[in-house]
Structure formats: structure tokens, C-alpha cells
Amino acid sequence: MSSAAEDLEPVEPSALAVVARRAAMGDLEATRELVEALAPRVTRVVRAIVGPSYAEVDDVAQQALIALVQAIPRFRGECEPGSYATRIAVRIAVTARRRARTWVSRHDSGIDASELANGSDAPFDVAAANRRKEIVRQLLDTLPDEQADALALRFMLGWSLDEIAASTAAPLNTVRSRLRLAKEALRRRIERDHALADELEVLP
């Protein structure tokens, strides 16, 4: 059992947090090191948000890394650099989806992106899971930014409420409110299309 004094001892920053702080102070070598360390994570986040049928994952990931470099001077160490980069990647990916949705609406090819995401030979449970994620991705396109961020972090990336609150610098009750509003929007969408109810089941 740890003592009260031990519980109050400051937590040592991670090695990457130290690099991020150096980068925030304008150290170009630290910035390069930070980008190289976070690039795989940023790419995974972007792919999760835009979906497997999106053809320009690498381009969006590059945009997210550029946005990270531009934002790093504002990094104050309130969260881990990986969480900071994830938030930026989520926002860039959601914006990219919205742009793509606008383009498709103007140049409608008659092809549903979810059909591209789910191959006909996929097992039913995998196809259903992919379809649920695609429904949520489409919902992200229509939500206010704060709700879209919270929903993406919670549903697409599996973050806890505490992790979302810490990363977004928002009170826990605010995070709960944003997720509640996002879920209500999702339920309204289901009510308009009852066929979705069996596909989506329960949003965590």
C-alpha cells in the first residue's frame, strides 16, 4: 500500500513528453523526432475515422502531421503528446470526410461508400461491425465539431470518458453532454431509417 506522501509525488513526464516540450520551444530536431514517433499513430487514427474505402488516407495523415507541427508551440503538457496528436488527427480526418461528402453530393456516382467498405465475402459479424462504424462515420460529418470529436474518440478509438476529458481539456460532465447529444442525433437517424436499428445495436 502506498503512503499519502508517495501518492502526492509528481509523475515523471514520459520521454516523448520531454521531446514534445522541446519541440514546443522551437527545437527543430525535437520536432522531427516527435513527428516520426507519432506518424504511425496518426495514420491509424485517420484510417479509423475516414474508413477503409477512403483512397487518400496517407494524404490526410500528412495533413494531420502538418497540423501537429503547426500546433506544437501551443502544447503545454496537459496531456500526453500521443493524445494531443490524436485529437488533431481526429479533427483533420473529420474535416476531410466532410469535404469528400460535399464533393460526392455534387458528383453523385450512385455508389455508397459503405458498399465499398464491406466486401460481400466478409463474415457477417465483421461486415456488421464495419457497417456500424460507417454509420457513425457518416454521422460525424453532420455533428458540431466538439460532439464529433467526442464521438470519434469514444466510439471509433475506444477512449474512456476520463481520457476524452483530459485530452480535450473539458470537464467530465461536458464530455458526457457532448456524447449524449451525439447519441441523440444517432437515434434520430435510426428512427428515420428503421433498417439501421438492427445493424447498429448499442453505441458504447
Protein backbone atom coordinates (compact mmCIF):
# COMPACT_ATOMS: atom_id res chain seq x y z
CA MET A 1 0.00 0.00 0.00
CA SER A 2 1.45 3.39 -0.94
CA SER A 3 1.65 6.19 1.57
CA ALA A 4 -0.11 9.54 1.18
CA ALA A 5 3.26 11.17 0.56
CA GLU A 6 4.00 8.72 -2.25
CA ASP A 7 0.59 9.36 -3.77
CA LEU A 8 1.34 13.08 -3.91
CA GLU A 9 4.72 12.75 -5.61
CA PRO A 10 4.76 14.29 -9.12
CA VAL A 11 4.58 11.93 -12.06
CA GLU A 12 7.70 11.94 -14.21
CA PRO A 13 6.97 13.07 -17.77
CA SER A 14 7.39 10.42 -20.44
CA ALA A 15 10.36 10.57 -22.80
CA LEU A 16 8.04 11.64 -25.61
CA ALA A 17 6.57 14.40 -23.43
CA VAL A 18 10.07 15.75 -22.90
CA VAL A 19 10.64 15.73 -26.65
CA ALA A 20 7.29 17.48 -27.19
CA ARG A 21 8.19 20.23 -24.74
CA ARG A 22 11.48 20.79 -26.55
CA ALA A 23 9.60 20.91 -29.84
CA ALA A 24 7.14 23.42 -28.37
CA MET A 25 10.11 25.65 -27.58
CA GLY A 26 11.19 25.62 -31.23
CA ASP A 27 13.72 22.77 -31.26
CA LEU A 28 13.59 21.56 -34.88
CA GLU A 29 15.36 18.28 -34.17
CA ALA A 30 12.86 17.53 -31.40
CA THR A 31 10.01 18.39 -33.75
CA ARG A 32 11.34 15.94 -36.34
CA GLU A 33 11.73 13.25 -33.67
CA LEU A 34 8.19 13.87 -32.41
CA VAL A 35 6.66 13.65 -35.88
CA GLU A 36 8.49 10.41 -36.64
CA ALA A 37 7.36 8.88 -33.34
CA LEU A 38 3.71 9.89 -33.77
CA ALA A 39 3.28 9.31 -37.53
CA PRO A 40 2.15 5.64 -37.22
CA ARG A 41 -0.41 6.56 -34.54
CA VAL A 42 -1.73 9.48 -36.57
CA THR A 43 -2.13 7.26 -39.64
CA ARG A 44 -4.05 4.65 -37.62
CA VAL A 45 -6.37 7.31 -36.22
CA VAL A 46 -7.02 8.82 -39.63
CA ARG A 47 -7.75 5.40 -41.13
CA ALA A 48 -10.20 4.63 -38.31
CA ILE A 49 -12.09 7.89 -38.87
CA VAL A 50 -12.21 8.09 -42.67
CA GLY A 51 -12.80 4.38 -43.19
CA PRO A 52 -11.14 1.67 -45.30
CA SER A 53 -12.72 2.85 -48.55
CA TYR A 54 -11.14 6.29 -48.36
CA ALA A 55 -8.45 6.50 -51.02
CA GLU A 56 -6.38 9.35 -49.59
CA VAL A 57 -5.55 8.13 -46.08
CA ASP A 58 -1.85 8.96 -46.46
CA ASP A 59 -2.62 12.48 -47.68
CA VAL A 60 -4.95 13.14 -44.74
CA ALA A 61 -2.40 11.71 -42.31
CA GLN A 62 0.21 14.06 -43.81
CA GLN A 63 -2.18 16.98 -43.30
CA ALA A 64 -2.66 15.91 -39.68
CA LEU A 65 1.09 15.78 -39.09
CA ILE A 66 1.49 19.25 -40.60
CA ALA A 67 -1.30 20.48 -38.33
CA LEU A 68 0.52 18.89 -35.38
CA VAL A 69 3.74 20.75 -36.24
CA GLN A 70 1.76 23.99 -36.51
CA ALA A 71 0.04 23.36 -33.17
CA ILE A 72 3.01 22.10 -31.17
CA PRO A 73 4.07 25.59 -29.97
CA ARG A 74 0.78 25.64 -28.03
CA PHE A 75 1.50 22.30 -26.33
CA ARG A 76 1.73 22.84 -22.57
CA GLY A 77 1.96 19.25 -21.39
CA GLU A 78 -1.61 19.00 -20.06
CA CYS A 79 -1.88 15.58 -21.73
CA GLU A 80 0.44 13.07 -23.37
CA PRO A 81 1.74 14.04 -26.84
CA GLY A 82 0.03 10.99 -28.32
CA SER A 83 -3.35 12.21 -27.05
CA TYR A 84 -2.62 15.69 -28.36
CA ALA A 85 -1.77 14.30 -31.79
CA THR A 86 -4.83 12.05 -31.77
CA ARG A 87 -7.17 14.97 -31.18
CA ILE A 88 -5.61 16.86 -34.08
CA ALA A 89 -5.80 13.79 -36.33
CA VAL A 90 -9.47 13.26 -35.46
CA ARG A 91 -10.34 16.85 -36.35
CA ILE A 92 -8.40 16.77 -39.64
CA ALA A 93 -9.92 13.40 -40.59
CA VAL A 94 -13.48 14.52 -39.83
CA THR A 95 -12.92 17.65 -41.92
CA ALA A 96 -11.57 15.53 -44.78
CA ARG A 97 -14.67 13.31 -44.64
CA ARG A 98 -16.91 16.35 -44.75
CA ARG A 99 -15.11 17.69 -47.80
CA ALA A 100 -15.37 14.31 -49.51
CA ARG A 101 -19.07 14.07 -48.66
CA THR A 102 -19.66 17.51 -50.19
CA TRP A 103 -17.79 16.50 -53.34
CA VAL A 104 -19.76 13.26 -53.67
CA SER A 105 -23.05 15.09 -53.20
CA ARG A 106 -22.10 17.32 -56.13
CA HIS A 107 -20.76 14.47 -58.28
CA ASP A 108 -23.03 11.64 -57.20
CA SER A 109 -21.85 8.39 -58.73
CA GLY A 110 -24.62 6.32 -57.20
CA ILE A 111 -22.07 4.29 -55.21
CA ASP A 112 -22.49 4.04 -51.43
CA ALA A 113 -19.14 4.31 -49.62
CA SER A 114 -20.29 1.68 -47.15
CA GLU A 115 -20.67 -0.78 -50.01
CA LEU A 116 -17.03 -0.24 -50.87
CA ALA A 117 -16.02 -0.71 -47.24
CA ASN A 118 -17.70 -4.08 -46.80
CA GLY A 119 -16.79 -6.87 -49.19
CA SER A 120 -19.54 -9.36 -49.92
CA ASP A 121 -17.34 -12.27 -48.84
CA ALA A 122 -16.68 -10.82 -45.36
CA PRO A 123 -18.03 -12.78 -42.38
CA PHE A 124 -21.37 -11.42 -41.21
CA ASP A 125 -20.11 -10.14 -37.86
CA VAL A 126 -17.17 -8.32 -39.47
CA ALA A 127 -19.43 -6.83 -42.13
CA ALA A 128 -21.94 -5.72 -39.48
CA ALA A 129 -19.20 -4.13 -37.38
CA ASN A 130 -17.86 -2.31 -40.43
CA ARG A 131 -21.35 -1.13 -41.29
CA ARG A 132 -21.88 0.20 -37.75
CA LYS A 133 -18.62 2.13 -37.97
CA GLU A 134 -19.58 3.51 -41.36
CA ILE A 135 -22.89 4.75 -39.94
CA VAL A 136 -21.03 6.56 -37.18
CA ARG A 137 -18.52 7.99 -39.67
CA GLN A 138 -21.40 9.41 -41.70
CA LEU A 139 -22.87 10.90 -38.53
CA LEU A 140 -19.54 12.59 -37.75
CA ASP A 141 -19.96 14.56 -40.97
CA THR A 142 -23.09 16.27 -39.62
CA LEU A 143 -22.26 16.92 -35.96
CA PRO A 144 -20.78 20.08 -34.40
CA ASP A 145 -17.01 19.77 -34.00
CA GLU A 146 -16.99 19.15 -30.24
CA GLN A 147 -19.60 16.39 -30.49
CA ALA A 148 -17.87 14.83 -33.50
CA ASP A 149 -14.54 14.79 -31.64
CA ALA A 150 -16.05 13.18 -28.53
CA LEU A 151 -17.95 10.56 -30.55
CA ALA A 152 -14.91 9.67 -32.66
CA LEU A 153 -12.66 9.33 -29.62
CA ARG A 154 -15.23 7.25 -27.74
CA PHE A 155 -16.70 5.00 -30.42
CA MET A 156 -14.06 4.82 -33.13
CA LEU A 157 -10.96 4.80 -30.88
CA GLY A 158 -12.39 3.34 -27.67
CA TRP A 159 -11.26 6.09 -25.30
CA SER A 160 -12.72 6.32 -21.80
CA LEU A 161 -14.67 9.39 -20.70
CA ASP A 162 -11.79 10.38 -18.44
CA GLU A 163 -9.32 10.13 -21.32
CA ILE A 164 -11.52 12.29 -23.54
CA ALA A 165 -11.92 14.88 -20.78
CA ALA A 166 -8.18 15.04 -20.17
CA SER A 167 -7.31 15.26 -23.86
CA THR A 168 -9.91 17.90 -24.74
CA ALA A 169 -9.42 19.91 -21.52
CA ALA A 170 -13.18 19.69 -20.97
CA PRO A 171 -15.00 18.87 -17.72
CA LEU A 172 -16.21 15.28 -17.49
CA ASN A 173 -19.85 16.41 -17.44
CA THR A 174 -19.26 18.39 -20.63
CA VAL A 175 -17.89 15.28 -22.32
CA ARG A 176 -20.93 13.32 -21.16
CA SER A 177 -23.21 16.04 -22.53
CA ARG A 178 -21.47 16.06 -25.91
CA LEU A 179 -21.74 12.29 -26.19
CA ARG A 180 -25.40 12.39 -25.11
CA LEU A 181 -26.20 14.92 -27.83
CA ALA A 182 -24.28 12.86 -30.40
CA LYS A 183 -26.15 9.70 -29.39
CA GLU A 184 -29.47 11.52 -29.62
CA ALA A 185 -28.58 12.59 -33.16
CA LEU A 186 -27.74 8.97 -33.93
CA ARG A 187 -31.05 7.76 -32.52
CA ARG A 188 -32.94 10.28 -34.61
CA ARG A 189 -31.15 8.96 -37.66
CA ILE A 190 -32.13 5.40 -36.73
CA GLU A 191 -35.74 6.47 -36.24
CA ARG A 192 -35.76 7.80 -39.79
CA ASP A 193 -34.37 4.50 -41.09
CA HIS A 194 -35.56 1.54 -39.03
CA ALA A 195 -33.36 -0.84 -41.01
CA LEU A 196 -30.37 0.66 -39.21
CA ALA A 197 -31.61 -0.35 -35.77
CA ASP A 198 -30.60 -3.99 -36.10
CA GLU A 199 -27.26 -3.05 -37.65
CA LEU A 200 -26.11 -0.51 -35.12
CA GLU A 201 -27.36 -2.11 -31.90
CA VAL A 202 -25.81 -0.30 -28.89
CA LEU A 203 -23.38 2.59 -29.01
CA PRO A 204 -20.85 2.33 -26.13
